[in-house]
Amino acid sequence: MKYLKQLAIVFLFCLAGESISFFLPFTFPSTIISLLLMLVCLLCNVIKEDTIKDVSDFLLMNMAFFFIPAGVEIIEHFALIRSILIPFILIAIVSTIAVMLVSAGAVALALKAERRFRK
């Protein structure tokens, strides 16, 4: 029952993100809105970390499973992708490196801010 409650909370945030995204006058990913809503609620102690910890841990441990549909789509459309394979691979490599660099920079900034905050 505990897991169903935690999953329901996560899905409620997803539903709220979808609803907000639907009513916005511009396109914005509902997943980002959902995560921001959850972050605000966690920071403001509206919900406690323990409230969603088990389901969050499960989803993080099985994250690779959620990439299977994207991989299948790539395989299904490989004939189309073959004509642009080299640019496709280059874009994938460059964007992966960019994401790693930005993530490392964000972690470095967060660590600096944490050190300043603790002083």
PDB file of N, CA and C in Angstrom:
ATOM      1  N   MET A   1       0.821  -1.195   0.000  1.00  0.00           N
ATOM      2  CA  MET A   1       0.000   0.000   0.000  1.00  0.00           C
ATOM      3  C   MET A   1       0.862   1.255   0.000  1.00  0.00           C
ATOM      4  N   LYS A   2       2.022   1.166   0.707  1.00  0.00           N
ATOM      5  CA  LYS A   2       2.934   2.303   0.793  1.00  0.00           C
ATOM      6  C   LYS A   2       3.420   2.710  -0.603  1.00  0.00           C
ATOM      7  N   TYR A   3       3.729   1.707  -1.432  1.00  0.00           N
ATOM      8  CA  TYR A   3       4.249   1.989  -2.763  1.00  0.00           C
ATOM      9  C   TYR A   3       3.177   2.611  -3.660  1.00  0.00           C
ATOM     10  N   LEU A   4       1.945   2.158  -3.516  1.00  0.00           N
ATOM     11  CA  LEU A   4       0.858   2.745  -4.300  1.00  0.00           C
ATOM     12  C   LEU A   4       0.639   4.206  -3.934  1.00  0.00           C
ATOM     13  N   LYS A   5       0.735   4.509  -2.655  1.00  0.00           N
ATOM     14  CA  LYS A   5       0.578   5.895  -2.200  1.00  0.00           C
ATOM     15  C   LYS A   5       1.686   6.771  -2.779  1.00  0.00           C
ATOM     16  N   GLN A   6       2.925   6.270  -2.716  1.00  0.00           N
ATOM     17  CA  GLN A   6       4.048   7.032  -3.253  1.00  0.00           C
ATOM     18  C   GLN A   6       3.927   7.219  -4.761  1.00  0.00           C
ATOM     19  N   LEU A   7       3.528   6.171  -5.455  1.00  0.00           N
ATOM     20  CA  LEU A   7       3.344   6.259  -6.900  1.00  0.00           C
ATOM     21  C   LEU A   7       2.217   7.220  -7.245  1.00  0.00           C
ATOM     22  N   ALA A   8       1.161   7.215  -6.458  1.00  0.00           N
ATOM     23  CA  ALA A   8       0.047   8.144  -6.687  1.00  0.00           C
ATOM     24  C   ALA A   8       0.507   9.591  -6.532  1.00  0.00           C
ATOM     25  N   ILE A   9       1.369   9.850  -5.559  1.00  0.00           N
ATOM     26  CA  ILE A   9       1.878  11.212  -5.363  1.00  0.00           C
ATOM     27  C   ILE A   9       2.697  11.645  -6.577  1.00  0.00           C
ATOM     28  N   VAL A  10       3.570  10.756  -7.060  1.00  0.00           N
ATOM     29  CA  VAL A  10       4.380  11.074  -8.238  1.00  0.00           C
ATOM     30  C   VAL A  10       3.468  11.321  -9.439  1.00  0.00           C
ATOM     31  N   PHE A  11       2.466  10.471  -9.623  1.00  0.00           N
ATOM     32  CA  PHE A  11       1.551  10.649 -10.752  1.00  0.00           C
ATOM     33  C   PHE A  11       0.709  11.917 -10.625  1.00  0.00           C
ATOM     34  N   LEU A  12       0.385  12.317  -9.412  1.00  0.00           N
ATOM     35  CA  LEU A  12      -0.341  13.577  -9.224  1.00  0.00           C
ATOM     36  C   LEU A  12       0.496  14.768  -9.678  1.00  0.00           C
ATOM     37  N   PHE A  13       1.790  14.718  -9.397  1.00  0.00           N
ATOM     38  CA  PHE A  13       2.667  15.780  -9.886  1.00  0.00           C
ATOM     39  C   PHE A  13       2.746  15.753 -11.411  1.00  0.00           C
ATOM     40  N   CYS A  14       2.773  14.557 -11.989  1.00  0.00           N
ATOM     41  CA  CYS A  14       2.774  14.438 -13.451  1.00  0.00           C
ATOM     42  C   CYS A  14       1.487  15.009 -14.036  1.00  0.00           C
ATOM     43  N   LEU A  15       0.365  14.705 -13.415  1.00  0.00           N
ATOM     44  CA  LEU A  15      -0.925  15.231 -13.876  1.00  0.00           C
ATOM     45  C   LEU A  15      -0.977  16.746 -13.751  1.00  0.00           C
ATOM     46  N   ALA A  16      -0.457  17.271 -12.640  1.00  0.00           N
ATOM     47  CA  ALA A  16      -0.426  18.725 -12.460  1.00  0.00           C
ATOM     48  C   ALA A  16       0.447  19.370 -13.533  1.00  0.00           C
ATOM     49  N   GLY A  17       1.590  18.771 -13.826  1.00  0.00           N
ATOM     50  CA  GLY A  17       2.467  19.297 -14.872  1.00  0.00           C
ATOM     51  C   GLY A  17       1.807  19.273 -16.235  1.00  0.00           C
ATOM     52  N   GLU A  18       1.109  18.175 -16.538  1.00  0.00           N
ATOM     53  CA  GLU A  18       0.375  18.079 -17.811  1.00  0.00           C
ATOM     54  C   GLU A  18      -0.699  19.158 -17.898  1.00  0.00           C
ATOM     55  N   SER A  19      -1.420  19.364 -16.807  1.00  0.00           N
ATOM     56  CA  SER A  19      -2.496  20.356 -16.796  1.00  0.00           C
ATOM     57  C   SER A  19      -1.952  21.767 -16.996  1.00  0.00           C
ATOM     58  N   ILE A  20      -0.890  22.091 -16.282  1.00  0.00           N
ATOM     59  CA  ILE A  20      -0.301  23.424 -16.421  1.00  0.00           C
ATOM     60  C   ILE A  20       0.237  23.624 -17.834  1.00  0.00           C
ATOM     61  N   SER A  21       0.907  22.613 -18.365  1.00  0.00           N
ATOM     62  CA  SER A  21       1.457  22.691 -19.722  1.00  0.00           C
ATOM     63  C   SER A  21       0.355  22.887 -20.757  1.00  0.00           C
ATOM     64  N   PHE A  22      -0.771  22.238 -20.548  1.00  0.00           N
ATOM     65  CA  PHE A  22      -1.892  22.354 -21.484  1.00  0.00           C
ATOM     66  C   PHE A  22      -2.430  23.782 -21.545  1.00  0.00           C
ATOM     67  N   PHE A  23      -2.485  24.449 -20.398  1.00  0.00           N
ATOM     68  CA  PHE A  23      -3.074  25.781 -20.345  1.00  0.00           C
ATOM     69  C   PHE A  23      -2.091  26.915 -20.611  1.00  0.00           C
ATOM     70  N   LEU A  24      -0.811  26.608 -20.692  1.00  0.00           N
ATOM     71  CA  LEU A  24       0.162  27.658 -20.989  1.00  0.00           C
ATOM     72  C   LEU A  24      -0.008  28.144 -22.433  1.00  0.00           C
ATOM     73  N   PRO A  25       0.185  29.435 -22.675  1.00  0.00           N
ATOM     74  CA  PRO A  25       0.035  29.948 -24.042  1.00  0.00           C
ATOM     75  C   PRO A  25       1.239  29.631 -24.940  1.00  0.00           C
ATOM     76  N   PHE A  26       2.248  28.962 -24.405  1.00  0.00           N
ATOM     77  CA  PHE A  26       3.429  28.575 -25.171  1.00  0.00           C
ATOM     78  C   PHE A  26       3.764  27.125 -24.839  1.00  0.00           C
ATOM     79  N   THR A  27       4.591  26.522 -25.674  1.00  0.00           N
ATOM     80  CA  THR A  27       4.951  25.126 -25.472  1.00  0.00           C
ATOM     81  C   THR A  27       6.037  25.012 -24.408  1.00  0.00           C
ATOM     82  N   PHE A  28       5.775  24.176 -23.419  1.00  0.00           N
ATOM     83  CA  PHE A  28       6.758  23.912 -22.366  1.00  0.00           C
ATOM     84  C   PHE A  28       6.547  22.474 -21.909  1.00  0.00           C
ATOM     85  N   PRO A  29       7.628  21.690 -21.773  1.00  0.00           N
ATOM     86  CA  PRO A  29       7.470  20.270 -21.419  1.00  0.00           C
ATOM     87  C   PRO A  29       6.809  20.074 -20.054  1.00  0.00           C
ATOM     88  N   SER A  30       5.782  19.263 -20.042  1.00  0.00           N
ATOM     89  CA  SER A  30       5.057  18.999 -18.798  1.00  0.00           C
ATOM     90  C   SER A  30       5.931  18.270 -17.783  1.00  0.00           C
ATOM     91  N   THR A  31       6.892  17.481 -18.257  1.00  0.00           N
ATOM     92  CA  THR A  31       7.768  16.759 -17.336  1.00  0.00           C
ATOM     93  C   THR A  31       8.633  17.730 -16.530  1.00  0.00           C
ATOM     94  N   ILE A  32       9.088  18.782 -17.186  1.00  0.00           N
ATOM     95  CA  ILE A  32       9.908  19.781 -16.490  1.00  0.00           C
ATOM     96  C   ILE A  32       9.051  20.513 -15.457  1.00  0.00           C
ATOM     97  N   ILE A  33       7.837  20.855 -15.842  1.00  0.00           N
ATOM     98  CA  ILE A  33       6.926  21.521 -14.905  1.00  0.00           C
ATOM     99  C   ILE A  33       6.670  20.624 -13.697  1.00  0.00           C
ATOM    100  N   SER A  34       6.438  19.337 -13.953  1.00  0.00           N
ATOM    101  CA  SER A  34       6.189  18.386 -12.857  1.00  0.00           C
ATOM    102  C   SER A  34       7.376  18.311 -11.909  1.00  0.00           C
ATOM    103  N   LEU A  35       8.575  18.222 -12.475  1.00  0.00           N
ATOM    104  CA  LEU A  35       9.766  18.148 -11.632  1.00  0.00           C
ATOM    105  C   LEU A  35       9.974  19.425 -10.835  1.00  0.00           C
ATOM    106  N   LEU A  36       9.714  20.572 -11.466  1.00  0.00           N
ATOM    107  CA  LEU A  36       9.847  21.841 -10.743  1.00  0.00           C
ATOM    108  C   LEU A  36       8.824  21.948  -9.611  1.00  0.00           C
ATOM    109  N   LEU A  37       7.596  21.507  -9.879  1.00  0.00           N
ATOM    110  CA  LEU A  37       6.575  21.511  -8.828  1.00  0.00           C
ATOM    111  C   LEU A  37       6.985  20.618  -7.655  1.00  0.00           C
ATOM    112  N   MET A  38       7.506  19.440  -7.992  1.00  0.00           N
ATOM    113  CA  MET A  38       7.932  18.524  -6.941  1.00  0.00           C
ATOM    114  C   MET A  38       9.110  19.110  -6.164  1.00  0.00           C
ATOM    115  N   LEU A  39      10.046  19.738  -6.873  1.00  0.00           N
ATOM    116  CA  LEU A  39      11.185  20.362  -6.206  1.00  0.00           C
ATOM    117  C   LEU A  39      10.729  21.453  -5.240  1.00  0.00           C
ATOM    118  N   VAL A  40       9.812  22.309  -5.686  1.00  0.00           N
ATOM    119  CA  VAL A  40       9.300  23.378  -4.827  1.00  0.00           C
ATOM    120  C   VAL A  40       8.610  22.786  -3.596  1.00  0.00           C
ATOM    121  N   CYS A  41       7.808  21.763  -3.809  1.00  0.00           N
ATOM    122  CA  CYS A  41       7.105  21.134  -2.680  1.00  0.00           C
ATOM    123  C   CYS A  41       8.080  20.472  -1.702  1.00  0.00           C
ATOM    124  N   LEU A  42       9.146  19.875  -2.224  1.00  0.00           N
ATOM    125  CA  LEU A  42      10.141  19.274  -1.348  1.00  0.00           C
ATOM    126  C   LEU A  42      10.918  20.345  -0.582  1.00  0.00           C
ATOM    127  N   LEU A  43      11.281  21.430  -1.265  1.00  0.00           N
ATOM    128  CA  LEU A  43      12.036  22.501  -0.605  1.00  0.00           C
ATOM    129  C   LEU A  43      11.201  23.233   0.447  1.00  0.00           C
ATOM    130  N   CYS A  44       9.909  23.353   0.190  1.00  0.00           N
ATOM    131  CA  CYS A  44       9.021  24.054   1.131  1.00  0.00           C
ATOM    132  C   CYS A  44       8.427  23.112   2.174  1.00  0.00           C
ATOM    133  N   ASN A  45       8.876  21.865   2.181  1.00  0.00           N
ATOM    134  CA  ASN A  45       8.391  20.849   3.123  1.00  0.00           C
ATOM    135  C   ASN A  45       6.888  20.602   3.025  1.00  0.00           C
ATOM    136  N   VAL A  46       6.322  20.825   1.842  1.00  0.00           N
ATOM    137  CA  VAL A  46       4.924  20.457   1.620  1.00  0.00           C
ATOM    138  C   VAL A  46       4.824  18.935   1.608  1.00  0.00           C
ATOM    139  N   ILE A  47       5.799  18.298   0.984  1.00  0.00           N
ATOM    140  CA  ILE A  47       5.931  16.845   1.080  1.00  0.00           C
ATOM    141  C   ILE A  47       7.339  16.542   1.581  1.00  0.00           C
ATOM    142  N   LYS A  48       7.472  15.484   2.315  1.00  0.00           N
ATOM    143  CA  LYS A  48       8.777  15.066   2.849  1.00  0.00           C
ATOM    144  C   LYS A  48       9.437  14.118   1.850  1.00  0.00           C
ATOM    145  N   GLU A  49      10.756  14.073   1.895  1.00  0.00           N
ATOM    146  CA  GLU A  49      11.507  13.195   0.995  1.00  0.00           C
ATOM    147  C   GLU A  49      11.094  11.735   1.186  1.00  0.00           C
ATOM    148  N   ASP A  50      10.849  11.338   2.425  1.00  0.00           N
ATOM    149  CA  ASP A  50      10.460   9.951   2.702  1.00  0.00           C
ATOM    150  C   ASP A  50       9.124   9.581   2.072  1.00  0.00           C
ATOM    151  N   THR A  51       8.322  10.589   1.748  1.00  0.00           N
ATOM    152  CA  THR A  51       7.006  10.346   1.170  1.00  0.00           C
ATOM    153  C   THR A  51       7.099   9.694  -0.204  1.00  0.00           C
ATOM    154  N   ILE A  52       8.186   9.966  -0.946  1.00  0.00           N
ATOM    155  CA  ILE A  52       8.321   9.409  -2.298  1.00  0.00           C
ATOM    156  C   ILE A  52       9.640   8.671  -2.497  1.00  0.00           C
ATOM    157  N   LYS A  53      10.386   8.437  -1.426  1.00  0.00           N
ATOM    158  CA  LYS A  53      11.735   7.875  -1.518  1.00  0.00           C
ATOM    159  C   LYS A  53      11.781   6.501  -2.176  1.00  0.00           C
ATOM    160  N   ASP A  54      10.946   5.578  -1.752  1.00  0.00           N
ATOM    161  CA  ASP A  54      11.019   4.208  -2.264  1.00  0.00           C
ATOM    162  C   ASP A  54      10.700   4.137  -3.760  1.00  0.00           C
ATOM    163  N   VAL A  55       9.659   4.827  -4.182  1.00  0.00           N
ATOM    164  CA  VAL A  55       9.294   4.813  -5.603  1.00  0.00           C
ATOM    165  C   VAL A  55      10.349   5.545  -6.423  1.00  0.00           C
ATOM    166  N   SER A  56      10.885   6.635  -5.900  1.00  0.00           N
ATOM    167  CA  SER A  56      11.933   7.371  -6.604  1.00  0.00           C
ATOM    168  C   SER A  56      13.174   6.513  -6.779  1.00  0.00           C
ATOM    169  N   ASP A  57      13.563   5.803  -5.729  1.00  0.00           N
ATOM    170  CA  ASP A  57      14.721   4.909  -5.818  1.00  0.00           C
ATOM    171  C   ASP A  57      14.487   3.815  -6.855  1.00  0.00           C
ATOM    172  N   PHE A  58      13.278   3.251  -6.858  1.00  0.00           N
ATOM    173  CA  PHE A  58      12.951   2.213  -7.841  1.00  0.00           C
ATOM    174  C   PHE A  58      13.048   2.755  -9.259  1.00  0.00           C
ATOM    175  N   LEU A  59      12.487   3.942  -9.499  1.00  0.00           N
ATOM    176  CA  LEU A  59      12.515   4.527 -10.839  1.00  0.00           C
ATOM    177  C   LEU A  59      13.939   4.847 -11.278  1.00  0.00           C
ATOM    178  N   LEU A  60      14.766   5.337 -10.367  1.00  0.00           N
ATOM    179  CA  LEU A  60      16.154   5.636 -10.699  1.00  0.00           C
ATOM    180  C   LEU A  60      16.951   4.367 -10.989  1.00  0.00           C
ATOM    181  N   MET A  61      16.715   3.305 -10.222  1.00  0.00           N
ATOM    182  CA  MET A  61      17.433   2.046 -10.441  1.00  0.00           C
ATOM    183  C   MET A  61      17.051   1.414 -11.780  1.00  0.00           C
ATOM    184  N   ASN A  62      15.848   1.657 -12.259  1.00  0.00           N
ATOM    185  CA  ASN A  62      15.366   1.044 -13.490  1.00  0.00           C
ATOM    186  C   ASN A  62      15.234   2.045 -14.634  1.00  0.00           C
ATOM    187  N   MET A  63      16.012   3.115 -14.576  1.00  0.00           N
ATOM    188  CA  MET A  63      15.899   4.172 -15.571  1.00  0.00           C
ATOM    189  C   MET A  63      16.188   3.672 -16.994  1.00  0.00           C
ATOM    190  N   ALA A  64      17.137   2.767 -17.136  1.00  0.00           N
ATOM    191  CA  ALA A  64      17.488   2.267 -18.461  1.00  0.00           C
ATOM    192  C   ALA A  64      16.281   1.623 -19.148  1.00  0.00           C
ATOM    193  N   PHE A  65      15.410   1.018 -18.378  1.00  0.00           N
ATOM    194  CA  PHE A  65      14.214   0.373 -18.918  1.00  0.00           C
ATOM    195  C   PHE A  65      13.343   1.365 -19.694  1.00  0.00           C
ATOM    196  N   PHE A  66      13.329   2.627 -19.260  1.00  0.00           N
ATOM    197  CA  PHE A  66      12.467   3.626 -19.884  1.00  0.00           C
ATOM    198  C   PHE A  66      13.017   4.135 -21.213  1.00  0.00           C
ATOM    199  N   PHE A  67      14.255   3.768 -21.554  1.00  0.00           N
ATOM    200  CA  PHE A  67      14.835   4.169 -22.830  1.00  0.00           C
ATOM    201  C   PHE A  67      14.586   3.132 -23.925  1.00  0.00           C
ATOM    202  N   ILE A  68      14.021   2.002 -23.587  1.00  0.00           N
ATOM    203  CA  ILE A  68      13.755   0.950 -24.571  1.00  0.00           C
ATOM    204  C   ILE A  68      12.821   1.449 -25.686  1.00  0.00           C
ATOM    205  N   PRO A  69      11.700   2.125 -25.384  1.00  0.00           N
ATOM    206  CA  PRO A  69      10.844   2.594 -26.481  1.00  0.00           C
ATOM    207  C   PRO A  69      11.564   3.534 -27.456  1.00  0.00           C
ATOM    208  N   ALA A  70      12.444   4.391 -26.948  1.00  0.00           N
ATOM    209  CA  ALA A  70      13.188   5.285 -27.833  1.00  0.00           C
ATOM    210  C   ALA A  70      14.128   4.484 -28.730  1.00  0.00           C
ATOM    211  N   GLY A  71      14.766   3.473 -28.170  1.00  0.00           N
ATOM    212  CA  GLY A  71      15.648   2.623 -28.969  1.00  0.00           C
ATOM    213  C   GLY A  71      14.893   1.861 -30.045  1.00  0.00           C
ATOM    214  N   VAL A  72      13.717   1.376 -29.717  1.00  0.00           N
ATOM    215  CA  VAL A  72      12.891   0.668 -30.696  1.00  0.00           C
ATOM    216  C   VAL A  72      12.476   1.609 -31.824  1.00  0.00           C
ATOM    217  N   GLU A  73      12.121   2.835 -31.491  1.00  0.00           N
ATOM    218  CA  GLU A  73      11.740   3.818 -32.514  1.00  0.00           C
ATOM    219  C   GLU A  73      12.900   4.095 -33.460  1.00  0.00           C
ATOM    220  N   ILE A  74      14.108   4.187 -32.913  1.00  0.00           N
ATOM    221  CA  ILE A  74      15.285   4.417 -33.763  1.00  0.00           C
ATOM    222  C   ILE A  74      15.480   3.242 -34.710  1.00  0.00           C
ATOM    223  N   ILE A  75      15.315   2.034 -34.202  1.00  0.00           N
ATOM    224  CA  ILE A  75      15.470   0.848 -35.053  1.00  0.00           C
ATOM    225  C   ILE A  75      14.383   0.807 -36.123  1.00  0.00           C
ATOM    226  N   GLU A  76      13.149   1.156 -35.754  1.00  0.00           N
ATOM    227  CA  GLU A  76      12.045   1.145 -36.720  1.00  0.00           C
ATOM    228  C   GLU A  76      12.245   2.158 -37.841  1.00  0.00           C
ATOM    229  N   HIS A  77      12.892   3.270 -37.536  1.00  0.00           N
ATOM    230  CA  HIS A  77      13.091   4.322 -38.534  1.00  0.00           C
ATOM    231  C   HIS A  77      14.528   4.375 -39.030  1.00  0.00           C
ATOM    232  N   PHE A  78      15.234   3.256 -38.942  1.00  0.00           N
ATOM    233  CA  PHE A  78      16.641   3.258 -39.324  1.00  0.00           C
ATOM    234  C   PHE A  78      16.839   3.557 -40.801  1.00  0.00           C
ATOM    235  N   ALA A  79      15.918   3.138 -41.660  1.00  0.00           N
ATOM    236  CA  ALA A  79      16.047   3.432 -43.095  1.00  0.00           C
ATOM    237  C   ALA A  79      16.087   4.941 -43.337  1.00  0.00           C
ATOM    238  N   LEU A  80      15.276   5.676 -42.606  1.00  0.00           N
ATOM    239  CA  LEU A  80      15.265   7.135 -42.714  1.00  0.00           C
ATOM    240  C   LEU A  80      16.539   7.723 -42.104  1.00  0.00           C
ATOM    241  N   ILE A  81      16.951   7.181 -40.989  1.00  0.00           N
ATOM    242  CA  ILE A  81      18.127   7.694 -40.286  1.00  0.00           C
ATOM    243  C   ILE A  81      19.413   7.399 -41.058  1.00  0.00           C
ATOM    244  N   ARG A  82      19.447   6.294 -41.813  1.00  0.00           N
ATOM    245  CA  ARG A  82      20.651   5.903 -42.544  1.00  0.00           C
ATOM    246  C   ARG A  82      21.142   7.021 -43.461  1.00  0.00           C
ATOM    247  N   SER A  83      20.220   7.762 -44.042  1.00  0.00           N
ATOM    248  CA  SER A  83      20.628   8.825 -44.963  1.00  0.00           C
ATOM    249  C   SER A  83      21.305   9.992 -44.248  1.00  0.00           C
ATOM    250  N   ILE A  84      21.079  10.113 -42.959  1.00  0.00           N
ATOM    251  CA  ILE A  84      21.702  11.197 -42.179  1.00  0.00           C
ATOM    252  C   ILE A  84      22.502  10.628 -41.005  1.00  0.00           C
ATOM    253  N   LEU A  85      23.057   9.441 -41.182  1.00  0.00           N
ATOM    254  CA  LEU A  85      23.702   8.729 -40.084  1.00  0.00           C
ATOM    255  C   LEU A  85      24.903   9.481 -39.498  1.00  0.00           C
ATOM    256  N   ILE A  86      25.779  10.004 -40.345  1.00  0.00           N
ATOM    257  CA  ILE A  86      26.980  10.691 -39.842  1.00  0.00           C
ATOM    258  C   ILE A  86      26.597  11.936 -39.035  1.00  0.00           C
ATOM    259  N   PRO A  87      25.759  12.841 -39.566  1.00  0.00           N
ATOM    260  CA  PRO A  87      25.356  13.988 -38.739  1.00  0.00           C
ATOM    261  C   PRO A  87      24.622  13.561 -37.468  1.00  0.00           C
ATOM    262  N   PHE A  88      23.824  12.500 -37.555  1.00  0.00           N
ATOM    263  CA  PHE A  88      23.086  11.983 -36.407  1.00  0.00           C
ATOM    264  C   PHE A  88      24.049  11.548 -35.304  1.00  0.00           C
ATOM    265  N   ILE A  89      25.079  10.798 -35.672  1.00  0.00           N
ATOM    266  CA  ILE A  89      26.064  10.333 -34.691  1.00  0.00           C
ATOM    267  C   ILE A  89      26.848  11.506 -34.123  1.00  0.00           C
ATOM    268  N   LEU A  90      27.267  12.442 -34.981  1.00  0.00           N
ATOM    269  CA  LEU A  90      28.004  13.612 -34.504  1.00  0.00           C
ATOM    270  C   LEU A  90      27.181  14.443 -33.528  1.00  0.00           C
ATOM    271  N   ILE A  91      25.916  14.653 -33.853  1.00  0.00           N
ATOM    272  CA  ILE A  91      25.036  15.416 -32.959  1.00  0.00           C
ATOM    273  C   ILE A  91      24.879  14.681 -31.626  1.00  0.00           C
ATOM    274  N   ALA A  92      24.737  13.365 -31.670  1.00  0.00           N
ATOM    275  CA  ALA A  92      24.607  12.586 -30.434  1.00  0.00           C
ATOM    276  C   ALA A  92      25.864  12.704 -29.579  1.00  0.00           C
ATOM    277  N   ILE A  93      27.027  12.636 -30.202  1.00  0.00           N
ATOM    278  CA  ILE A  93      28.283  12.738 -29.458  1.00  0.00           C
ATOM    279  C   ILE A  93      28.459  14.138 -28.880  1.00  0.00           C
ATOM    280  N   VAL A  94      28.259  15.159 -29.710  1.00  0.00           N
ATOM    281  CA  VAL A  94      28.440  16.543 -29.249  1.00  0.00           C
ATOM    282  C   VAL A  94      27.440  16.884 -28.150  1.00  0.00           C
ATOM    283  N   SER A  95      26.183  16.486 -28.316  1.00  0.00           N
ATOM    284  CA  SER A  95      25.185  16.808 -27.293  1.00  0.00           C
ATOM    285  C   SER A  95      25.459  16.050 -25.992  1.00  0.00           C
ATOM    286  N   THR A  96      25.967  14.822 -26.083  1.00  0.00           N
ATOM    287  CA  THR A  96      26.315  14.070 -24.877  1.00  0.00           C
ATOM    288  C   THR A  96      27.447  14.760 -24.127  1.00  0.00           C
ATOM    289  N   ILE A  97      28.461  15.192 -24.855  1.00  0.00           N
ATOM    290  CA  ILE A  97      29.573  15.901 -24.222  1.00  0.00           C
ATOM    291  C   ILE A  97      29.082  17.211 -23.609  1.00  0.00           C
ATOM    292  N   ALA A  98      28.218  17.930 -24.316  1.00  0.00           N
ATOM    293  CA  ALA A  98      27.684  19.193 -23.797  1.00  0.00           C
ATOM    294  C   ALA A  98      26.896  18.968 -22.512  1.00  0.00           C
ATOM    295  N   VAL A  99      26.084  17.934 -22.485  1.00  0.00           N
ATOM    296  CA  VAL A  99      25.298  17.633 -21.284  1.00  0.00           C
ATOM    297  C   VAL A  99      26.227  17.280 -20.125  1.00  0.00           C
ATOM    298  N   MET A 100      27.262  16.512 -20.396  1.00  0.00           N
ATOM    299  CA  MET A 100      28.214  16.156 -19.330  1.00  0.00           C
ATOM    300  C   MET A 100      28.919  17.401 -18.790  1.00  0.00           C
ATOM    301  N   LEU A 101      29.342  18.293 -19.673  1.00  0.00           N
ATOM    302  CA  LEU A 101      30.031  19.511 -19.239  1.00  0.00           C
ATOM    303  C   LEU A 101      29.105  20.420 -18.433  1.00  0.00           C
ATOM    304  N   VAL A 102      27.890  20.600 -18.912  1.00  0.00           N
ATOM    305  CA  VAL A 102      26.938  21.445 -18.194  1.00  0.00           C
ATOM    306  C   VAL A 102      26.594  20.832 -16.837  1.00  0.00           C
ATOM    307  N   SER A 103      26.415  19.527 -16.797  1.00  0.00           N
ATOM    308  CA  SER A 103      26.121  18.855 -15.527  1.00  0.00           C
ATOM    309  C   SER A 103      27.284  19.008 -14.552  1.00  0.00           C
ATOM    310  N   ALA A 104      28.506  18.835 -15.043  1.00  0.00           N
ATOM    311  CA  ALA A 104      29.679  18.998 -14.177  1.00  0.00           C
ATOM    312  C   ALA A 104      29.770  20.430 -13.668  1.00  0.00           C
ATOM    313  N   GLY A 105      29.493  21.396 -14.535  1.00  0.00           N
ATOM    314  CA  GLY A 105      29.503  22.795 -14.116  1.00  0.00           C
ATOM    315  C   GLY A 105      28.437  23.080 -13.072  1.00  0.00           C
ATOM    316  N   ALA A 106      27.257  22.512 -13.257  1.00  0.00           N
ATOM    317  CA  ALA A 106      26.178  22.715 -12.286  1.00  0.00           C
ATOM    318  C   ALA A 106      26.533  22.107 -10.933  1.00  0.00           C
ATOM    319  N   VAL A 107      27.141  20.936 -10.947  1.00  0.00           N
ATOM    320  CA  VAL A 107      27.553  20.297  -9.688  1.00  0.00           C
ATOM    321  C   VAL A 107      28.642  21.130  -9.017  1.00  0.00           C
ATOM    322  N   ALA A 108      29.594  21.638  -9.804  1.00  0.00           N
ATOM    323  CA  ALA A 108      30.658  22.465  -9.240  1.00  0.00           C
ATOM    324  C   ALA A 108      30.080  23.732  -8.605  1.00  0.00           C
ATOM    325  N   LEU A 109      29.131  24.372  -9.285  1.00  0.00           N
ATOM    326  CA  LEU A 109      28.488  25.570  -8.731  1.00  0.00           C
ATOM    327  C   LEU A 109      27.708  25.238  -7.459  1.00  0.00           C
ATOM    328  N   ALA A 110      27.017  24.117  -7.472  1.00  0.00           N
ATOM    329  CA  ALA A 110      26.252  23.721  -6.288  1.00  0.00           C
ATOM    330  C   ALA A 110      27.182  23.445  -5.108  1.00  0.00           C
ATOM    331  N   LEU A 111      28.325  22.815  -5.366  1.00  0.00           N
ATOM    332  CA  LEU A 111      29.281  22.551  -4.290  1.00  0.00           C
ATOM    333  C   LEU A 111      29.877  23.849  -3.746  1.00  0.00           C
ATOM    334  N   LYS A 112      30.184  24.800  -4.633  1.00  0.00           N
ATOM    335  CA  LYS A 112      30.687  26.106  -4.189  1.00  0.00           C
ATOM    336  C   LYS A 112      29.645  26.815  -3.335  1.00  0.00           C
ATOM    337  N   ALA A 113      28.404  26.791  -3.789  1.00  0.00           N
ATOM    338  CA  ALA A 113      27.324  27.438  -3.032  1.00  0.00           C
ATOM    339  C   ALA A 113      27.131  26.767  -1.680  1.00  0.00           C
ATOM    340  N   GLU A 114      27.239  25.460  -1.650  1.00  0.00           N
ATOM    341  CA  GLU A 114      27.090  24.734  -0.382  1.00  0.00           C
ATOM    342  C   GLU A 114      28.224  25.095   0.580  1.00  0.00           C
ATOM    343  N   ARG A 115      29.462  25.177   0.055  1.00  0.00           N
ATOM    344  CA  ARG A 115      30.588  25.571   0.915  1.00  0.00           C
ATOM    345  C   ARG A 115      30.410  26.964   1.477  1.00  0.00           C
ATOM    346  N   ARG A 116      29.931  27.902   0.647  1.00  0.00           N
ATOM    347  CA  ARG A 116      29.686  29.256   1.105  1.00  0.00           C
ATOM    348  C   ARG A 116      28.582  29.297   2.138  1.00  0.00           C
ATOM    349  N   PHE A 117      27.560  28.504   1.914  1.00  0.00           N
ATOM    350  CA  PHE A 117      26.408  28.464   2.820  1.00  0.00           C
ATOM    351  C   PHE A 117      26.811  27.918   4.192  1.00  0.00           C
ATOM    352  N   ARG A 118      27.702  26.937   4.197  1.00  0.00           N
ATOM    353  CA  ARG A 118      28.124  26.312   5.456  1.00  0.00           C
ATOM    354  C   ARG A 118      29.054  27.202   6.277  1.00  0.00           C
ATOM    355  N   LYS A 119      29.728  28.146   5.610  1.00  0.00           N
ATOM    356  CA  LYS A 119      30.657  29.038   6.339  1.00  0.00           C
ATOM    357  C   LYS A 119      29.947  30.048   7.134  1.00  0.00           C
TER     358      LYS A 119
END
